Amino acid sequence: MKICGPKLSLCGILLSIWGVIQLSLMGLFYHMKCIAFVDDLDLDHSGFESVAELYEKADTAYETCAHTCFYATGIYSLILLFSIYQYYLNRRASLKVK
């Protein structure tokens, strides 16, 4: 069952490949607690009673962001598989016409 045309399926393939690569790397860097991503964490910058509490909340925020990136990578992977299947169906249909 064709849903996407050949150009849309190719676009889906390319965007999904980029999404998988980017989000995999971001998830890995969040998991490694890369300091470059500290500004992207959902932290309330006031109200910490100690430095240990700040580190604990930062660790939790890093892990949450890492899991979110890995979930999004999985969704992009599913879209990639769907786009490849659609491209295959369009390619096969165009070869039968000739």
PDB file of N, CA and C in Angstrom:
ATOM      1  N   MET A   1       0.845  -1.169   0.000  1.00  0.00           N
ATOM      2  CA  MET A   1       0.000   0.000   0.000  1.00  0.00           C
ATOM      3  C   MET A   1       0.896   1.241   0.000  1.00  0.00           C
ATOM      4  N   LYS A   2       0.842   1.962  -1.105  1.00  0.00           N
ATOM      5  CA  LYS A   2       1.639   3.181  -1.206  1.00  0.00           C
ATOM      6  C   LYS A   2       0.905   4.332  -0.529  1.00  0.00           C
ATOM      7  N   ILE A   3       1.608   5.025   0.324  1.00  0.00           N
ATOM      8  CA  ILE A   3       1.063   6.209   0.996  1.00  0.00           C
ATOM      9  C   ILE A   3       1.833   7.447   0.552  1.00  0.00           C
ATOM     10  N   CYS A   4       3.135   7.307   0.423  1.00  0.00           N
ATOM     11  CA  CYS A   4       4.008   8.417   0.041  1.00  0.00           C
ATOM     12  C   CYS A   4       4.509   8.207  -1.382  1.00  0.00           C
ATOM     13  N   GLY A   5       4.761   9.309  -2.046  1.00  0.00           N
ATOM     14  CA  GLY A   5       5.360   9.246  -3.368  1.00  0.00           C
ATOM     15  C   GLY A   5       6.866   9.050  -3.262  1.00  0.00           C
ATOM     16  N   PRO A   6       7.536   8.933  -4.417  1.00  0.00           N
ATOM     17  CA  PRO A   6       8.978   8.668  -4.379  1.00  0.00           C
ATOM     18  C   PRO A   6       9.800   9.815  -3.780  1.00  0.00           C
ATOM     19  N   LYS A   7       9.416  11.047  -4.056  1.00  0.00           N
ATOM     20  CA  LYS A   7      10.182  12.180  -3.533  1.00  0.00           C
ATOM     21  C   LYS A   7       9.979  12.345  -2.030  1.00  0.00           C
ATOM     22  N   LEU A   8       8.745  12.176  -1.580  1.00  0.00           N
ATOM     23  CA  LEU A   8       8.464  12.292  -0.152  1.00  0.00           C
ATOM     24  C   LEU A   8       9.124  11.172   0.639  1.00  0.00           C
ATOM     25  N   SER A   9       9.116   9.970   0.085  1.00  0.00           N
ATOM     26  CA  SER A   9       9.758   8.858   0.803  1.00  0.00           C
ATOM     27  C   SER A   9      11.273   9.053   0.861  1.00  0.00           C
ATOM     28  N   LEU A  10      11.872   9.561  -0.205  1.00  0.00           N
ATOM     29  CA  LEU A  10      13.307   9.848  -0.184  1.00  0.00           C
ATOM     30  C   LEU A  10      13.626  10.946   0.816  1.00  0.00           C
ATOM     31  N   CYS A  11      12.791  11.968   0.882  1.00  0.00           N
ATOM     32  CA  CYS A  11      12.964  13.047   1.867  1.00  0.00           C
ATOM     33  C   CYS A  11      12.846  12.473   3.285  1.00  0.00           C
ATOM     34  N   GLY A  12      11.882  11.599   3.507  1.00  0.00           N
ATOM     35  CA  GLY A  12      11.728  10.955   4.813  1.00  0.00           C
ATOM     36  C   GLY A  12      12.946  10.135   5.189  1.00  0.00           C
ATOM     37  N   ILE A  13      13.533   9.464   4.219  1.00  0.00           N
ATOM     38  CA  ILE A  13      14.742   8.672   4.480  1.00  0.00           C
ATOM     39  C   ILE A  13      15.882   9.581   4.928  1.00  0.00           C
ATOM     40  N   LEU A  14      16.108  10.645   4.172  1.00  0.00           N
ATOM     41  CA  LEU A  14      17.228  11.541   4.490  1.00  0.00           C
ATOM     42  C   LEU A  14      17.041  12.235   5.843  1.00  0.00           C
ATOM     43  N   LEU A  15      15.837  12.739   6.099  1.00  0.00           N
ATOM     44  CA  LEU A  15      15.596  13.413   7.373  1.00  0.00           C
ATOM     45  C   LEU A  15      15.674  12.431   8.547  1.00  0.00           C
ATOM     46  N   SER A  16      15.221  11.224   8.344  1.00  0.00           N
ATOM     47  CA  SER A  16      15.276  10.235   9.421  1.00  0.00           C
ATOM     48  C   SER A  16      16.707   9.822   9.730  1.00  0.00           C
ATOM     49  N   ILE A  17      17.515   9.679   8.688  1.00  0.00           N
ATOM     50  CA  ILE A  17      18.931   9.343   8.916  1.00  0.00           C
ATOM     51  C   ILE A  17      19.583  10.446   9.740  1.00  0.00           C
ATOM     52  N   TRP A  18      19.328  11.707   9.359  1.00  0.00           N
ATOM     53  CA  TRP A  18      19.896  12.823  10.105  1.00  0.00           C
ATOM     54  C   TRP A  18      19.381  12.834  11.547  1.00  0.00           C
ATOM     55  N   GLY A  19      18.093  12.600  11.736  1.00  0.00           N
ATOM     56  CA  GLY A  19      17.520  12.588  13.080  1.00  0.00           C
ATOM     57  C   GLY A  19      18.100  11.486  13.948  1.00  0.00           C
ATOM     58  N   VAL A  20      18.287  10.302  13.373  1.00  0.00           N
ATOM     59  CA  VAL A  20      18.855   9.192  14.130  1.00  0.00           C
ATOM     60  C   VAL A  20      20.282   9.509  14.563  1.00  0.00           C
ATOM     61  N   ILE A  21      21.068  10.039  13.641  1.00  0.00           N
ATOM     62  CA  ILE A  21      22.467  10.364  13.974  1.00  0.00           C
ATOM     63  C   ILE A  21      22.527  11.454  15.042  1.00  0.00           C
ATOM     64  N   GLN A  22      21.808  12.545  14.817  1.00  0.00           N
ATOM     65  CA  GLN A  22      21.882  13.674  15.745  1.00  0.00           C
ATOM     66  C   GLN A  22      21.363  13.300  17.131  1.00  0.00           C
ATOM     67  N   LEU A  23      20.203  12.676  17.202  1.00  0.00           N
ATOM     68  CA  LEU A  23      19.627  12.367  18.507  1.00  0.00           C
ATOM     69  C   LEU A  23      20.379  11.260  19.227  1.00  0.00           C
ATOM     70  N   SER A  24      20.980  10.342  18.481  1.00  0.00           N
ATOM     71  CA  SER A  24      21.818   9.321  19.126  1.00  0.00           C
ATOM     72  C   SER A  24      23.023   9.971  19.801  1.00  0.00           C
ATOM     73  N   LEU A  25      23.661  10.887  19.073  1.00  0.00           N
ATOM     74  CA  LEU A  25      24.820  11.575  19.655  1.00  0.00           C
ATOM     75  C   LEU A  25      24.415  12.437  20.845  1.00  0.00           C
ATOM     76  N   MET A  26      23.291  13.149  20.710  1.00  0.00           N
ATOM     77  CA  MET A  26      22.845  13.984  21.828  1.00  0.00           C
ATOM     78  C   MET A  26      22.497  13.125  23.045  1.00  0.00           C
ATOM     79  N   GLY A  27      21.830  12.006  22.824  1.00  0.00           N
ATOM     80  CA  GLY A  27      21.506  11.102  23.930  1.00  0.00           C
ATOM     81  C   GLY A  27      22.756  10.567  24.592  1.00  0.00           C
ATOM     82  N   LEU A  28      23.757  10.238  23.785  1.00  0.00           N
ATOM     83  CA  LEU A  28      25.029   9.759  24.325  1.00  0.00           C
ATOM     84  C   LEU A  28      25.712  10.844  25.153  1.00  0.00           C
ATOM     85  N   PHE A  29      25.726  12.073  24.640  1.00  0.00           N
ATOM     86  CA  PHE A  29      26.366  13.165  25.374  1.00  0.00           C
ATOM     87  C   PHE A  29      25.611  13.510  26.654  1.00  0.00           C
ATOM     88  N   TYR A  30      24.287  13.459  26.616  1.00  0.00           N
ATOM     89  CA  TYR A  30      23.518  13.671  27.848  1.00  0.00           C
ATOM     90  C   TYR A  30      23.800  12.556  28.848  1.00  0.00           C
ATOM     91  N   HIS A  31      23.916  11.332  28.352  1.00  0.00           N
ATOM     92  CA  HIS A  31      24.201  10.214  29.248  1.00  0.00           C
ATOM     93  C   HIS A  31      25.588  10.348  29.884  1.00  0.00           C
ATOM     94  N   MET A  32      26.530  10.931  29.127  1.00  0.00           N
ATOM     95  CA  MET A  32      27.883  11.148  29.656  1.00  0.00           C
ATOM     96  C   MET A  32      27.958  12.416  30.501  1.00  0.00           C
ATOM     97  N   LYS A  33      26.836  13.132  30.618  1.00  0.00           N
ATOM     98  CA  LYS A  33      26.737  14.372  31.392  1.00  0.00           C
ATOM     99  C   LYS A  33      27.704  15.445  30.877  1.00  0.00           C
ATOM    100  N   CYS A  34      27.649  15.651  29.564  1.00  0.00           N
ATOM    101  CA  CYS A  34      28.499  16.635  28.906  1.00  0.00           C
ATOM    102  C   CYS A  34      28.127  18.039  29.388  1.00  0.00           C
ATOM    103  N   ILE A  35      29.112  18.791  29.789  1.00  0.00           N
ATOM    104  CA  ILE A  35      28.886  20.107  30.378  1.00  0.00           C
ATOM    105  C   ILE A  35      28.348  21.103  29.345  1.00  0.00           C
ATOM    106  N   ALA A  36      28.544  20.842  28.058  1.00  0.00           N
ATOM    107  CA  ALA A  36      28.061  21.756  27.021  1.00  0.00           C
ATOM    108  C   ALA A  36      26.539  21.830  26.982  1.00  0.00           C
ATOM    109  N   PHE A  37      25.869  20.801  27.505  1.00  0.00           N
ATOM    110  CA  PHE A  37      24.411  20.769  27.473  1.00  0.00           C
ATOM    111  C   PHE A  37      23.777  21.212  28.786  1.00  0.00           C
ATOM    112  N   VAL A  38      24.536  21.761  29.693  1.00  0.00           N
ATOM    113  CA  VAL A  38      23.989  22.131  30.998  1.00  0.00           C
ATOM    114  C   VAL A  38      22.940  23.244  30.882  1.00  0.00           C
ATOM    115  N   ASP A  39      23.073  24.108  29.884  1.00  0.00           N
ATOM    116  CA  ASP A  39      22.086  25.177  29.701  1.00  0.00           C
ATOM    117  C   ASP A  39      20.738  24.644  29.239  1.00  0.00           C
ATOM    118  N   ASP A  40      20.721  23.465  28.641  1.00  0.00           N
ATOM    119  CA  ASP A  40      19.483  22.882  28.133  1.00  0.00           C
ATOM    120  C   ASP A  40      18.728  22.077  29.185  1.00  0.00           C
ATOM    121  N   LEU A  41      19.288  21.926  30.349  1.00  0.00           N
ATOM    122  CA  LEU A  41      18.631  21.155  31.402  1.00  0.00           C
ATOM    123  C   LEU A  41      17.502  21.965  32.027  1.00  0.00           C
ATOM    124  N   ASP A  42      16.497  21.253  32.482  1.00  0.00           N
ATOM    125  CA  ASP A  42      15.344  21.899  33.120  1.00  0.00           C
ATOM    126  C   ASP A  42      15.628  22.002  34.623  1.00  0.00           C
ATOM    127  N   LEU A  43      16.419  23.007  34.983  1.00  0.00           N
ATOM    128  CA  LEU A  43      16.779  23.221  36.384  1.00  0.00           C
ATOM    129  C   LEU A  43      16.271  24.573  36.847  1.00  0.00           C
ATOM    130  N   ASP A  44      15.751  24.594  38.046  1.00  0.00           N
ATOM    131  CA  ASP A  44      15.385  25.858  38.673  1.00  0.00           C
ATOM    132  C   ASP A  44      16.665  26.364  39.342  1.00  0.00           C
ATOM    133  N   HIS A  45      17.196  27.448  38.842  1.00  0.00           N
ATOM    134  CA  HIS A  45      18.511  27.911  39.283  1.00  0.00           C
ATOM    135  C   HIS A  45      18.498  28.608  40.644  1.00  0.00           C
ATOM    136  N   SER A  46      17.410  28.572  41.318  1.00  0.00           N
ATOM    137  CA  SER A  46      17.383  29.133  42.663  1.00  0.00           C
ATOM    138  C   SER A  46      16.716  28.120  43.590  1.00  0.00           C
ATOM    139  N   GLY A  47      17.011  28.227  44.842  1.00  0.00           N
ATOM    140  CA  GLY A  47      16.342  27.381  45.815  1.00  0.00           C
ATOM    141  C   GLY A  47      17.083  26.096  46.147  1.00  0.00           C
ATOM    142  N   PHE A  48      18.342  25.966  45.765  1.00  0.00           N
ATOM    143  CA  PHE A  48      19.109  24.790  46.152  1.00  0.00           C
ATOM    144  C   PHE A  48      19.721  25.038  47.527  1.00  0.00           C
ATOM    145  N   GLU A  49      19.541  24.090  48.408  1.00  0.00           N
ATOM    146  CA  GLU A  49      20.074  24.248  49.762  1.00  0.00           C
ATOM    147  C   GLU A  49      21.540  23.870  49.859  1.00  0.00           C
ATOM    148  N   SER A  50      21.986  23.007  48.956  1.00  0.00           N
ATOM    149  CA  SER A  50      23.392  22.601  48.984  1.00  0.00           C
ATOM    150  C   SER A  50      23.847  22.263  47.572  1.00  0.00           C
ATOM    151  N   VAL A  51      25.143  22.162  47.422  1.00  0.00           N
ATOM    152  CA  VAL A  51      25.711  21.798  46.128  1.00  0.00           C
ATOM    153  C   VAL A  51      25.351  20.348  45.789  1.00  0.00           C
ATOM    154  N   ALA A  52      25.268  19.501  46.781  1.00  0.00           N
ATOM    155  CA  ALA A  52      24.905  18.099  46.555  1.00  0.00           C
ATOM    156  C   ALA A  52      23.499  17.987  45.967  1.00  0.00           C
ATOM    157  N   GLU A  53      22.590  18.844  46.431  1.00  0.00           N
ATOM    158  CA  GLU A  53      21.225  18.827  45.888  1.00  0.00           C
ATOM    159  C   GLU A  53      21.224  19.285  44.428  1.00  0.00           C
ATOM    160  N   LEU A  54      22.040  20.279  44.106  1.00  0.00           N
ATOM    161  CA  LEU A  54      22.167  20.740  42.727  1.00  0.00           C
ATOM    162  C   LEU A  54      22.688  19.617  41.835  1.00  0.00           C
ATOM    163  N   TYR A  55      23.740  18.922  42.278  1.00  0.00           N
ATOM    164  CA  TYR A  55      24.294  17.817  41.497  1.00  0.00           C
ATOM    165  C   TYR A  55      23.291  16.689  41.319  1.00  0.00           C
ATOM    166  N   GLU A  56      22.525  16.407  42.353  1.00  0.00           N
ATOM    167  CA  GLU A  56      21.525  15.339  42.271  1.00  0.00           C
ATOM    168  C   GLU A  56      20.445  15.684  41.249  1.00  0.00           C
ATOM    169  N   LYS A  57      19.952  16.921  41.279  1.00  0.00           N
ATOM    170  CA  LYS A  57      18.921  17.331  40.322  1.00  0.00           C
ATOM    171  C   LYS A  57      19.487  17.425  38.911  1.00  0.00           C
ATOM    172  N   ALA A  58      20.736  17.839  38.779  1.00  0.00           N
ATOM    173  CA  ALA A  58      21.361  17.892  37.458  1.00  0.00           C
ATOM    174  C   ALA A  58      21.525  16.490  36.886  1.00  0.00           C
ATOM    175  N   ASP A  59      21.933  15.532  37.709  1.00  0.00           N
ATOM    176  CA  ASP A  59      22.063  14.153  37.243  1.00  0.00           C
ATOM    177  C   ASP A  59      20.725  13.595  36.783  1.00  0.00           C
ATOM    178  N   THR A  60      19.681  13.881  37.534  1.00  0.00           N
ATOM    179  CA  THR A  60      18.342  13.430  37.153  1.00  0.00           C
ATOM    180  C   THR A  60      17.903  14.077  35.842  1.00  0.00           C
ATOM    181  N   ALA A  61      18.190  15.362  35.677  1.00  0.00           N
ATOM    182  CA  ALA A  61      17.816  16.065  34.452  1.00  0.00           C
ATOM    183  C   ALA A  61      18.603  15.538  33.251  1.00  0.00           C
ATOM    184  N   TYR A  62      19.884  15.246  33.436  1.00  0.00           N
ATOM    185  CA  TYR A  62      20.692  14.668  32.357  1.00  0.00           C
ATOM    186  C   TYR A  62      20.118  13.325  31.921  1.00  0.00           C
ATOM    187  N   GLU A  63      19.785  12.465  32.868  1.00  0.00           N
ATOM    188  CA  GLU A  63      19.246  11.147  32.523  1.00  0.00           C
ATOM    189  C   GLU A  63      17.891  11.267  31.838  1.00  0.00           C
ATOM    190  N   THR A  64      17.060  12.194  32.286  1.00  0.00           N
ATOM    191  CA  THR A  64      15.760  12.401  31.648  1.00  0.00           C
ATOM    192  C   THR A  64      15.935  12.844  30.196  1.00  0.00           C
ATOM    193  N   CYS A  65      16.837  13.775  29.971  1.00  0.00           N
ATOM    194  CA  CYS A  65      17.093  14.246  28.608  1.00  0.00           C
ATOM    195  C   CYS A  65      17.681  13.139  27.738  1.00  0.00           C
ATOM    196  N   ALA A  66      18.560  12.319  28.311  1.00  0.00           N
ATOM    197  CA  ALA A  66      19.147  11.214  27.558  1.00  0.00           C
ATOM    198  C   ALA A  66      18.067  10.221  27.142  1.00  0.00           C
ATOM    199  N   HIS A  67      17.169   9.872  28.065  1.00  0.00           N
ATOM    200  CA  HIS A  67      16.099   8.936  27.735  1.00  0.00           C
ATOM    201  C   HIS A  67      15.168   9.523  26.666  1.00  0.00           C
ATOM    202  N   THR A  68      14.881  10.801  26.766  1.00  0.00           N
ATOM    203  CA  THR A  68      14.020  11.446  25.778  1.00  0.00           C
ATOM    204  C   THR A  68      14.662  11.408  24.391  1.00  0.00           C
ATOM    205  N   CYS A  69      15.951  11.665  24.324  1.00  0.00           N
ATOM    206  CA  CYS A  69      16.653  11.610  23.037  1.00  0.00           C
ATOM    207  C   CYS A  69      16.644  10.191  22.472  1.00  0.00           C
ATOM    208  N   PHE A  70      16.823   9.199  23.325  1.00  0.00           N
ATOM    209  CA  PHE A  70      16.820   7.817  22.849  1.00  0.00           C
ATOM    210  C   PHE A  70      15.425   7.391  22.387  1.00  0.00           C
ATOM    211  N   TYR A  71      14.373   7.864  23.048  1.00  0.00           N
ATOM    212  CA  TYR A  71      13.012   7.578  22.591  1.00  0.00           C
ATOM    213  C   TYR A  71      12.768   8.204  21.223  1.00  0.00           C
ATOM    214  N   ALA A  72      13.205   9.442  21.055  1.00  0.00           N
ATOM    215  CA  ALA A  72      13.034  10.116  19.768  1.00  0.00           C
ATOM    216  C   ALA A  72      13.844   9.415  18.673  1.00  0.00           C
ATOM    217  N   THR A  73      15.008   8.870  19.024  1.00  0.00           N
ATOM    218  CA  THR A  73      15.794   8.102  18.062  1.00  0.00           C
ATOM    219  C   THR A  73      15.021   6.877  17.600  1.00  0.00           C
ATOM    220  N   GLY A  74      14.343   6.235  18.521  1.00  0.00           N
ATOM    221  CA  GLY A  74      13.528   5.081  18.152  1.00  0.00           C
ATOM    222  C   GLY A  74      12.399   5.455  17.217  1.00  0.00           C
ATOM    223  N   ILE A  75      11.763   6.589  17.465  1.00  0.00           N
ATOM    224  CA  ILE A  75      10.681   7.045  16.591  1.00  0.00           C
ATOM    225  C   ILE A  75      11.218   7.378  15.200  1.00  0.00           C
ATOM    226  N   TYR A  76      12.366   8.051  15.143  1.00  0.00           N
ATOM    227  CA  TYR A  76      12.983   8.340  13.855  1.00  0.00           C
ATOM    228  C   TYR A  76      13.374   7.057  13.128  1.00  0.00           C
ATOM    229  N   SER A  77      13.781   6.041  13.862  1.00  0.00           N
ATOM    230  CA  SER A  77      14.125   4.754  13.241  1.00  0.00           C
ATOM    231  C   SER A  77      12.897   4.114  12.611  1.00  0.00           C
ATOM    232  N   LEU A  78      11.762   4.186  13.287  1.00  0.00           N
ATOM    233  CA  LEU A  78      10.530   3.650  12.721  1.00  0.00           C
ATOM    234  C   LEU A  78      10.124   4.404  11.460  1.00  0.00           C
ATOM    235  N   ILE A  79      10.261   5.722  11.484  1.00  0.00           N
ATOM    236  CA  ILE A  79       9.950   6.522  10.303  1.00  0.00           C
ATOM    237  C   ILE A  79      10.907   6.200   9.167  1.00  0.00           C
ATOM    238  N   LEU A  80      12.166   5.936   9.506  1.00  0.00           N
ATOM    239  CA  LEU A  80      13.147   5.540   8.492  1.00  0.00           C
ATOM    240  C   LEU A  80      12.744   4.229   7.833  1.00  0.00           C
ATOM    241  N   LEU A  81      12.357   3.248   8.625  1.00  0.00           N
ATOM    242  CA  LEU A  81      11.932   1.966   8.057  1.00  0.00           C
ATOM    243  C   LEU A  81      10.689   2.133   7.179  1.00  0.00           C
ATOM    244  N   PHE A  82       9.737   2.930   7.638  1.00  0.00           N
ATOM    245  CA  PHE A  82       8.531   3.183   6.845  1.00  0.00           C
ATOM    246  C   PHE A  82       8.884   3.870   5.528  1.00  0.00           C
ATOM    247  N   SER A  83       9.774   4.843   5.570  1.00  0.00           N
ATOM    248  CA  SER A  83      10.150   5.576   4.358  1.00  0.00           C
ATOM    249  C   SER A  83      10.901   4.681   3.381  1.00  0.00           C
ATOM    250  N   ILE A  84      11.758   3.814   3.906  1.00  0.00           N
ATOM    251  CA  ILE A  84      12.466   2.868   3.032  1.00  0.00           C
ATOM    252  C   ILE A  84      11.473   1.928   2.360  1.00  0.00           C
ATOM    253  N   TYR A  85      10.488   1.458   3.111  1.00  0.00           N
ATOM    254  CA  TYR A  85       9.468   0.581   2.540  1.00  0.00           C
ATOM    255  C   TYR A  85       8.664   1.305   1.465  1.00  0.00           C
ATOM    256  N   GLN A  86       8.294   2.543   1.727  1.00  0.00           N
ATOM    257  CA  GLN A  86       7.555   3.318   0.733  1.00  0.00           C
ATOM    258  C   GLN A  86       8.402   3.573  -0.512  1.00  0.00           C
ATOM    259  N   TYR A  87       9.674   3.844  -0.330  1.00  0.00           N
ATOM    260  CA  TYR A  87      10.569   4.049  -1.470  1.00  0.00           C
ATOM    261  C   TYR A  87      10.681   2.768  -2.282  1.00  0.00           C
ATOM    262  N   TYR A  88      10.779   1.638  -1.595  1.00  0.00           N
ATOM    263  CA  TYR A  88      10.846   0.342  -2.270  1.00  0.00           C
ATOM    264  C   TYR A  88       9.572   0.092  -3.088  1.00  0.00           C
ATOM    265  N   LEU A  89       8.401   0.371  -2.512  1.00  0.00           N
ATOM    266  CA  LEU A  89       7.147   0.171  -3.235  1.00  0.00           C
ATOM    267  C   LEU A  89       7.061   1.074  -4.461  1.00  0.00           C
ATOM    268  N   ASN A  90       7.478   2.323  -4.332  1.00  0.00           N
ATOM    269  CA  ASN A  90       7.452   3.232  -5.469  1.00  0.00           C
ATOM    270  C   ASN A  90       8.446   2.806  -6.538  1.00  0.00           C
ATOM    271  N   ARG A  91       9.579   2.364  -6.116  1.00  0.00           N
ATOM    272  CA  ARG A  91      10.614   1.919  -7.070  1.00  0.00           C
ATOM    273  C   ARG A  91      10.144   0.691  -7.833  1.00  0.00           C
ATOM    274  N   ARG A  92       9.531  -0.224  -7.116  1.00  0.00           N
ATOM    275  CA  ARG A  92       9.042  -1.455  -7.741  1.00  0.00           C
ATOM    276  C   ARG A  92       7.902  -1.150  -8.723  1.00  0.00           C
ATOM    277  N   ALA A  93       7.030  -0.227  -8.351  1.00  0.00           N
ATOM    278  CA  ALA A  93       5.928   0.148  -9.242  1.00  0.00           C
ATOM    279  C   ALA A  93       6.444   0.840 -10.496  1.00  0.00           C
ATOM    280  N   SER A  94       7.470   1.649 -10.378  1.00  0.00           N
ATOM    281  CA  SER A  94       8.001   2.347 -11.556  1.00  0.00           C
ATOM    282  C   SER A  94       8.743   1.381 -12.479  1.00  0.00           C
ATOM    283  N   LEU A  95       9.319   0.305 -11.954  1.00  0.00           N
ATOM    284  CA  LEU A  95       9.997  -0.668 -12.799  1.00  0.00           C
ATOM    285  C   LEU A  95       8.996  -1.534 -13.559  1.00  0.00           C
ATOM    286  N   LYS A  96       7.816  -1.781 -12.984  1.00  0.00           N
ATOM    287  CA  LYS A  96       6.789  -2.575 -13.664  1.00  0.00           C
ATOM    288  C   LYS A  96       6.166  -1.814 -14.827  1.00  0.00           C
ATOM    289  N   VAL A  97       6.104  -0.505 -14.731  1.00  0.00           N
ATOM    290  CA  VAL A  97       5.492   0.312 -15.781  1.00  0.00           C
ATOM    291  C   VAL A  97       6.323   0.293 -17.019  1.00  0.00           C
ATOM    292  N   LYS A  98       7.630   0.272 -16.885  1.00  0.00           N
ATOM    293  CA  LYS A  98       8.531   0.331 -18.043  1.00  0.00           C
ATOM    294  C   LYS A  98       8.532  -0.949 -18.763  1.00  0.00           C
TER     295      LYS A  98
END
